[in-house]
């Protein structure tokens, strides 16, 4: 079974990707970024936690067979990832850090852009 970091990273990537287009539209149109970036962050974390549900259930005492059940694919392809990747600690951590860095850079960009707009630059 793949490590929880890998599932969280995949969920974070999916949630971020689903909400990236409104952020790009706001950047191109010159509109404020607070709401689209906020939605991107919330969606990324929500889908990341959703991808972790089978891990959370087994931590709470449910049988480990949950990870390989066909219905656990509802949780961002949880079973499919577990069938393809055994372990995944290092790759999961790297992908998770990459997702967090991307989001951090996006927030910093939004703050700098808002300050420039407020100062009239």
C-alpha atoms as a PDB file:
ATOM      1  CA  UNK A   1       0.000   0.000   0.000  1.00  0.00           C
ATOM      2  CA  UNK A   2       1.265   3.464  -0.854  1.00  0.00           C
ATOM      3  CA  UNK A   3       2.195   5.843   1.930  1.00  0.00           C
ATOM      4  CA  UNK A   4      -0.261   8.514   3.043  1.00  0.00           C
ATOM      5  CA  UNK A   5       2.061  11.290   1.794  1.00  0.00           C
ATOM      6  CA  UNK A   6       1.692  10.020  -1.750  1.00  0.00           C
ATOM      7  CA  UNK A   7      -2.103  10.010  -1.506  1.00  0.00           C
ATOM      8  CA  UNK A   8      -2.113  13.491   0.025  1.00  0.00           C
ATOM      9  CA  UNK A   9       0.205  14.757  -2.724  1.00  0.00           C
ATOM     10  CA  UNK A  10      -1.998  13.328  -5.471  1.00  0.00           C
ATOM     11  CA  UNK A  11      -5.106  14.828  -3.886  1.00  0.00           C
ATOM     12  CA  UNK A  12      -3.378  18.179  -3.451  1.00  0.00           C
ATOM     13  CA  UNK A  13      -2.296  18.145  -7.097  1.00  0.00           C
ATOM     14  CA  UNK A  14      -5.786  17.263  -8.339  1.00  0.00           C
ATOM     15  CA  UNK A  15      -7.478  19.926  -6.212  1.00  0.00           C
ATOM     16  CA  UNK A  16      -4.945  22.531  -7.277  1.00  0.00           C
ATOM     17  CA  UNK A  17      -5.235  21.607 -10.945  1.00  0.00           C
ATOM     18  CA  UNK A  18      -9.035  21.793 -10.836  1.00  0.00           C
ATOM     19  CA  UNK A  19      -8.931  25.394  -9.640  1.00  0.00           C
ATOM     20  CA  UNK A  20      -5.874  26.693 -11.496  1.00  0.00           C
ATOM     21  CA  UNK A  21      -7.781  28.019 -14.524  1.00  0.00           C
ATOM     22  CA  UNK A  22      -9.691  30.737 -12.583  1.00  0.00           C
ATOM     23  CA  UNK A  23      -6.382  31.899 -11.077  1.00  0.00           C
ATOM     24  CA  UNK A  24      -4.812  32.106 -14.537  1.00  0.00           C
ATOM     25  CA  UNK A  25      -7.832  34.024 -15.858  1.00  0.00           C
ATOM     26  CA  UNK A  26      -7.586  36.508 -12.981  1.00  0.00           C
ATOM     27  CA  UNK A  27      -3.871  37.029 -13.627  1.00  0.00           C
ATOM     28  CA  UNK A  28      -4.396  37.627 -17.342  1.00  0.00           C
ATOM     29  CA  UNK A  29      -7.381  39.932 -16.783  1.00  0.00           C
ATOM     30  CA  UNK A  30      -5.609  41.896 -14.046  1.00  0.00           C
ATOM     31  CA  UNK A  31      -8.304  41.123 -11.470  1.00  0.00           C
ATOM     32  CA  UNK A  32      -7.610  40.596  -7.753  1.00  0.00           C
ATOM     33  CA  UNK A  33      -6.270  37.152  -6.891  1.00  0.00           C
ATOM     34  CA  UNK A  34      -7.433  36.735  -3.297  1.00  0.00           C
ATOM     35  CA  UNK A  35     -10.605  34.749  -3.995  1.00  0.00           C
ATOM     36  CA  UNK A  36      -9.292  32.501  -6.782  1.00  0.00           C
ATOM     37  CA  UNK A  37      -6.097  31.724  -4.837  1.00  0.00           C
ATOM     38  CA  UNK A  38      -8.115  31.108  -1.672  1.00  0.00           C
ATOM     39  CA  UNK A  39     -10.349  28.678  -3.545  1.00  0.00           C
ATOM     40  CA  UNK A  40      -7.285  26.985  -4.999  1.00  0.00           C
ATOM     41  CA  UNK A  41      -5.786  26.472  -1.539  1.00  0.00           C
ATOM     42  CA  UNK A  42      -9.044  25.216  -0.040  1.00  0.00           C
ATOM     43  CA  UNK A  43      -9.715  22.874  -2.950  1.00  0.00           C
ATOM     44  CA  UNK A  44      -6.189  21.497  -2.852  1.00  0.00           C
ATOM     45  CA  UNK A  45      -6.318  20.732   0.864  1.00  0.00           C
ATOM     46  CA  UNK A  46      -9.895  19.417   0.739  1.00  0.00           C
ATOM     47  CA  UNK A  47      -9.169  17.008  -2.101  1.00  0.00           C
ATOM     48  CA  UNK A  48      -5.897  16.030  -0.400  1.00  0.00           C
ATOM     49  CA  UNK A  49      -7.750  15.111   2.779  1.00  0.00           C
ATOM     50  CA  UNK A  50     -10.426  13.338   0.721  1.00  0.00           C
ATOM     51  CA  UNK A  51      -7.662  11.190  -0.825  1.00  0.00           C
ATOM     52  CA  UNK A  52      -6.540  10.234   2.702  1.00  0.00           C
ATOM     53  CA  UNK A  53      -9.907   8.888   3.890  1.00  0.00           C
ATOM     54  CA  UNK A  54      -8.952   5.180   3.498  1.00  0.00           C
ATOM     55  CA  UNK A  55      -5.719   5.811   5.427  1.00  0.00           C
ATOM     56  CA  UNK A  56      -7.663   7.589   8.157  1.00  0.00           C
ATOM     57  CA  UNK A  57     -10.181   4.736   8.334  1.00  0.00           C
ATOM     58  CA  UNK A  58      -7.490   2.102   8.749  1.00  0.00           C
ATOM     59  CA  UNK A  59      -5.786   4.246  11.382  1.00  0.00           C
ATOM     60  CA  UNK A  60      -9.099   4.288  13.229  1.00  0.00           C
ATOM     61  CA  UNK A  61      -9.225   0.476  13.213  1.00  0.00           C
ATOM     62  CA  UNK A  62     -10.868  -0.462   9.919  1.00  0.00           C
ATOM     63  CA  UNK A  63      -9.397  -3.440   8.040  1.00  0.00           C
ATOM     64  CA  UNK A  64      -6.465  -2.806   5.694  1.00  0.00           C
ATOM     65  CA  UNK A  65      -8.415  -4.372   2.827  1.00  0.00           C
ATOM     66  CA  UNK A  66     -10.100  -0.981   2.404  1.00  0.00           C
ATOM     67  CA  UNK A  67      -7.020   0.211   0.501  1.00  0.00           C
ATOM     68  CA  UNK A  68      -7.520  -2.366  -2.250  1.00  0.00           C
ATOM     69  CA  UNK A  69     -11.323  -2.332  -2.500  1.00  0.00           C
ATOM     70  CA  UNK A  70     -12.654  -1.140  -5.845  1.00  0.00           C
ATOM     71  CA  UNK A  71     -14.862   1.488  -4.196  1.00  0.00           C
ATOM     72  CA  UNK A  72     -11.875   3.190  -2.573  1.00  0.00           C
ATOM     73  CA  UNK A  73     -11.025   4.618  -6.010  1.00  0.00           C
ATOM     74  CA  UNK A  74     -13.658   7.253  -5.181  1.00  0.00           C
ATOM     75  CA  UNK A  75     -10.968   8.720  -2.939  1.00  0.00           C
ATOM     76  CA  UNK A  76      -8.805  10.073  -5.791  1.00  0.00           C
ATOM     77  CA  UNK A  77      -7.993   6.633  -7.238  1.00  0.00           C
ATOM     78  CA  UNK A  78      -6.742   5.328  -3.890  1.00  0.00           C
ATOM     79  CA  UNK A  79      -6.847   1.632  -4.814  1.00  0.00           C
ATOM     80  CA  UNK A  80      -5.315   2.228  -8.243  1.00  0.00           C
ATOM     81  CA  UNK A  81      -2.381   4.067  -6.694  1.00  0.00           C
ATOM     82  CA  UNK A  82      -1.920   1.328  -4.107  1.00  0.00           C
ATOM     83  CA  UNK A  83      -1.891  -1.345  -6.822  1.00  0.00           C
ATOM     84  CA  UNK A  84       0.680   0.544  -8.919  1.00  0.00           C
ATOM     85  CA  UNK A  85       3.002   1.889  -6.234  1.00  0.00           C
ATOM     86  CA  UNK A  86       4.166   0.004  -3.183  1.00  0.00           C
ATOM     87  CA  UNK A  87       5.578   2.280  -0.509  1.00  0.00           C
ATOM     88  CA  UNK A  88       5.998   5.754  -1.928  1.00  0.00           C
ATOM     89  CA  UNK A  89       7.396   7.568   1.080  1.00  0.00           C
ATOM     90  CA  UNK A  90      10.116   9.538  -0.732  1.00  0.00           C
ATOM     91  CA  UNK A  91       8.167  10.275  -3.913  1.00  0.00           C
ATOM     92  CA  UNK A  92       5.148  11.224  -1.827  1.00  0.00           C
ATOM     93  CA  UNK A  93       7.173  13.635   0.273  1.00  0.00           C
ATOM     94  CA  UNK A  94       8.795  15.192  -2.789  1.00  0.00           C
ATOM     95  CA  UNK A  95       5.460  15.651  -4.549  1.00  0.00           C
ATOM     96  CA  UNK A  96       3.890  17.056  -1.382  1.00  0.00           C
ATOM     97  CA  UNK A  97       6.714  19.556  -0.940  1.00  0.00           C
ATOM     98  CA  UNK A  98       6.471  20.525  -4.615  1.00  0.00           C
ATOM     99  CA  UNK A  99       2.749  21.175  -4.202  1.00  0.00           C
ATOM    100  CA  UNK A 100       3.282  23.266  -1.075  1.00  0.00           C
ATOM    101  CA  UNK A 101       6.081  25.253  -2.726  1.00  0.00           C
ATOM    102  CA  UNK A 102       3.903  25.944  -5.758  1.00  0.00           C
ATOM    103  CA  UNK A 103       1.079  27.183  -3.553  1.00  0.00           C
ATOM    104  CA  UNK A 104       3.462  29.270  -1.438  1.00  0.00           C
ATOM    105  CA  UNK A 105       4.969  30.937  -4.505  1.00  0.00           C
ATOM    106  CA  UNK A 106       1.469  31.625  -5.826  1.00  0.00           C
ATOM    107  CA  UNK A 107       0.428  33.281  -2.550  1.00  0.00           C
ATOM    108  CA  UNK A 108       3.599  35.405  -2.491  1.00  0.00           C
ATOM    109  CA  UNK A 109       2.955  36.427  -6.109  1.00  0.00           C
ATOM    110  CA  UNK A 110      -0.619  37.420  -5.229  1.00  0.00           C
ATOM    111  CA  UNK A 111       0.550  39.482  -2.234  1.00  0.00           C
ATOM    112  CA  UNK A 112       3.235  41.293  -4.247  1.00  0.00           C
ATOM    113  CA  UNK A 113       0.766  41.982  -7.039  1.00  0.00           C
ATOM    114  CA  UNK A 114      -1.853  43.323  -4.601  1.00  0.00           C
ATOM    115  CA  UNK A 115       0.694  45.619  -2.963  1.00  0.00           C
ATOM    116  CA  UNK A 116       1.793  46.994  -6.329  1.00  0.00           C
ATOM    117  CA  UNK A 117      -1.807  47.635  -7.291  1.00  0.00           C
ATOM    118  CA  UNK A 118      -2.479  49.364  -3.953  1.00  0.00           C
ATOM    119  CA  UNK A 119       0.563  51.602  -4.392  1.00  0.00           C
ATOM    120  CA  UNK A 120      -0.431  52.471  -7.935  1.00  0.00           C
ATOM    121  CA  UNK A 121       2.640  50.931  -9.551  1.00  0.00           C
END
